[in-house]
């Protein structure tokens, strides 16, 4: 009405911004989470490598489990992963 134009010819864009400190903290937390997931994936691969190495030395799953403090079922899971 104030511009004296037809309402259908007007485009409105709305941008919502939060407080900079909180948005920055949220972004930092996302970064930390991604780093943690990557570290967890690396740790899992290292564990699988240890199990595979011990198993290629003809150690039984039970022996490997005893050495690593895990069950022989877990040894089988890690070996196949």
C-alpha atoms as a PDB file:
ATOM      1  CA  UNK A   1       0.000   0.000   0.000  1.00  0.00           C
ATOM      2  CA  UNK A   2       2.772   2.446   0.874  1.00  0.00           C
ATOM      3  CA  UNK A   3       4.586   1.814  -2.388  1.00  0.00           C
ATOM      4  CA  UNK A   4       1.410   2.035  -4.429  1.00  0.00           C
ATOM      5  CA  UNK A   5       2.135  -1.238  -6.272  1.00  0.00           C
ATOM      6  CA  UNK A   6       0.264  -4.474  -6.740  1.00  0.00           C
ATOM      7  CA  UNK A   7       0.994  -6.865  -3.857  1.00  0.00           C
ATOM      8  CA  UNK A   8       1.918  -9.686  -6.280  1.00  0.00           C
ATOM      9  CA  UNK A   9       4.825  -7.671  -7.695  1.00  0.00           C
ATOM     10  CA  UNK A  10       6.603  -7.365  -4.353  1.00  0.00           C
ATOM     11  CA  UNK A  11       9.144  -9.952  -3.188  1.00  0.00           C
ATOM     12  CA  UNK A  12      10.095 -10.185   0.462  1.00  0.00           C
ATOM     13  CA  UNK A  13      13.249 -11.927   1.700  1.00  0.00           C
ATOM     14  CA  UNK A  14      13.609 -12.628   5.406  1.00  0.00           C
ATOM     15  CA  UNK A  15      16.971 -13.458   6.978  1.00  0.00           C
ATOM     16  CA  UNK A  16      17.106 -14.724  10.543  1.00  0.00           C
ATOM     17  CA  UNK A  17      20.326 -14.322  12.488  1.00  0.00           C
ATOM     18  CA  UNK A  18      21.057 -15.503  15.986  1.00  0.00           C
ATOM     19  CA  UNK A  19      23.504 -14.030  18.468  1.00  0.00           C
ATOM     20  CA  UNK A  20      27.034 -14.353  17.069  1.00  0.00           C
ATOM     21  CA  UNK A  21      28.529 -15.956  20.181  1.00  0.00           C
ATOM     22  CA  UNK A  22      25.955 -18.729  20.327  1.00  0.00           C
ATOM     23  CA  UNK A  23      26.095 -19.405  16.585  1.00  0.00           C
ATOM     24  CA  UNK A  24      29.907 -19.568  16.756  1.00  0.00           C
ATOM     25  CA  UNK A  25      29.723 -21.929  19.728  1.00  0.00           C
ATOM     26  CA  UNK A  26      27.257 -24.150  17.847  1.00  0.00           C
ATOM     27  CA  UNK A  27      29.591 -24.259  14.848  1.00  0.00           C
ATOM     28  CA  UNK A  28      32.561 -25.098  17.068  1.00  0.00           C
ATOM     29  CA  UNK A  29      30.588 -27.939  18.658  1.00  0.00           C
ATOM     30  CA  UNK A  30      29.769 -29.322  15.207  1.00  0.00           C
ATOM     31  CA  UNK A  31      33.476 -29.208  14.351  1.00  0.00           C
ATOM     32  CA  UNK A  32      34.360 -31.008  17.597  1.00  0.00           C
ATOM     33  CA  UNK A  33      31.771 -33.679  16.870  1.00  0.00           C
ATOM     34  CA  UNK A  34      33.157 -34.295  13.371  1.00  0.00           C
ATOM     35  CA  UNK A  35      36.679 -34.580  14.783  1.00  0.00           C
ATOM     36  CA  UNK A  36      35.475 -37.020  17.443  1.00  0.00           C
ATOM     37  CA  UNK A  37      33.740 -39.203  14.856  1.00  0.00           C
ATOM     38  CA  UNK A  38      36.868 -39.252  12.717  1.00  0.00           C
ATOM     39  CA  UNK A  39      38.996 -40.171  15.742  1.00  0.00           C
ATOM     40  CA  UNK A  40      36.567 -42.934  16.666  1.00  0.00           C
ATOM     41  CA  UNK A  41      36.714 -44.342  13.126  1.00  0.00           C
ATOM     42  CA  UNK A  42      40.538 -44.289  13.222  1.00  0.00           C
ATOM     43  CA  UNK A  43      40.545 -46.039  16.601  1.00  0.00           C
ATOM     44  CA  UNK A  44      38.172 -48.728  15.325  1.00  0.00           C
ATOM     45  CA  UNK A  45      40.389 -49.375  12.294  1.00  0.00           C
ATOM     46  CA  UNK A  46      43.449 -49.640  14.514  1.00  0.00           C
ATOM     47  CA  UNK A  47      41.678 -52.157  16.749  1.00  0.00           C
ATOM     48  CA  UNK A  48      40.651 -54.232  13.732  1.00  0.00           C
ATOM     49  CA  UNK A  49      44.246 -54.149  12.478  1.00  0.00           C
ATOM     50  CA  UNK A  50      45.562 -55.411  15.827  1.00  0.00           C
ATOM     51  CA  UNK A  51      43.060 -58.265  15.876  1.00  0.00           C
ATOM     52  CA  UNK A  52      43.888 -59.222  12.282  1.00  0.00           C
ATOM     53  CA  UNK A  53      47.615 -59.124  13.009  1.00  0.00           C
ATOM     54  CA  UNK A  54      47.283 -61.346  16.062  1.00  0.00           C
ATOM     55  CA  UNK A  55      45.018 -63.756  14.188  1.00  0.00           C
ATOM     56  CA  UNK A  56      47.481 -64.054  11.278  1.00  0.00           C
ATOM     57  CA  UNK A  57      50.052 -65.218  13.830  1.00  0.00           C
ATOM     58  CA  UNK A  58      47.784 -68.258  14.288  1.00  0.00           C
ATOM     59  CA  UNK A  59      46.588 -67.139  17.679  1.00  0.00           C
ATOM     60  CA  UNK A  60      43.155 -68.485  18.530  1.00  0.00           C
ATOM     61  CA  UNK A  61      40.244 -66.114  18.928  1.00  0.00           C
ATOM     62  CA  UNK A  62      40.097 -67.032  22.598  1.00  0.00           C
ATOM     63  CA  UNK A  63      43.805 -66.234  23.070  1.00  0.00           C
ATOM     64  CA  UNK A  64      43.493 -62.921  21.245  1.00  0.00           C
ATOM     65  CA  UNK A  65      40.451 -62.076  23.348  1.00  0.00           C
ATOM     66  CA  UNK A  66      42.325 -62.855  26.538  1.00  0.00           C
ATOM     67  CA  UNK A  67      45.291 -60.696  25.520  1.00  0.00           C
ATOM     68  CA  UNK A  68      43.072 -57.767  24.525  1.00  0.00           C
ATOM     69  CA  UNK A  69      40.483 -58.147  27.289  1.00  0.00           C
ATOM     70  CA  UNK A  70      37.572 -58.847  24.934  1.00  0.00           C
ATOM     71  CA  UNK A  71      35.435 -61.892  24.212  1.00  0.00           C
ATOM     72  CA  UNK A  72      36.282 -64.298  21.422  1.00  0.00           C
ATOM     73  CA  UNK A  73      32.953 -63.330  19.829  1.00  0.00           C
ATOM     74  CA  UNK A  74      34.170 -59.736  19.694  1.00  0.00           C
ATOM     75  CA  UNK A  75      37.419 -60.937  18.132  1.00  0.00           C
ATOM     76  CA  UNK A  76      35.396 -62.619  15.381  1.00  0.00           C
ATOM     77  CA  UNK A  77      33.350 -59.431  14.854  1.00  0.00           C
ATOM     78  CA  UNK A  78      36.444 -57.257  14.564  1.00  0.00           C
ATOM     79  CA  UNK A  79      38.187 -59.757  12.340  1.00  0.00           C
ATOM     80  CA  UNK A  80      35.313 -59.804   9.842  1.00  0.00           C
ATOM     81  CA  UNK A  81      34.663 -56.058   9.854  1.00  0.00           C
END
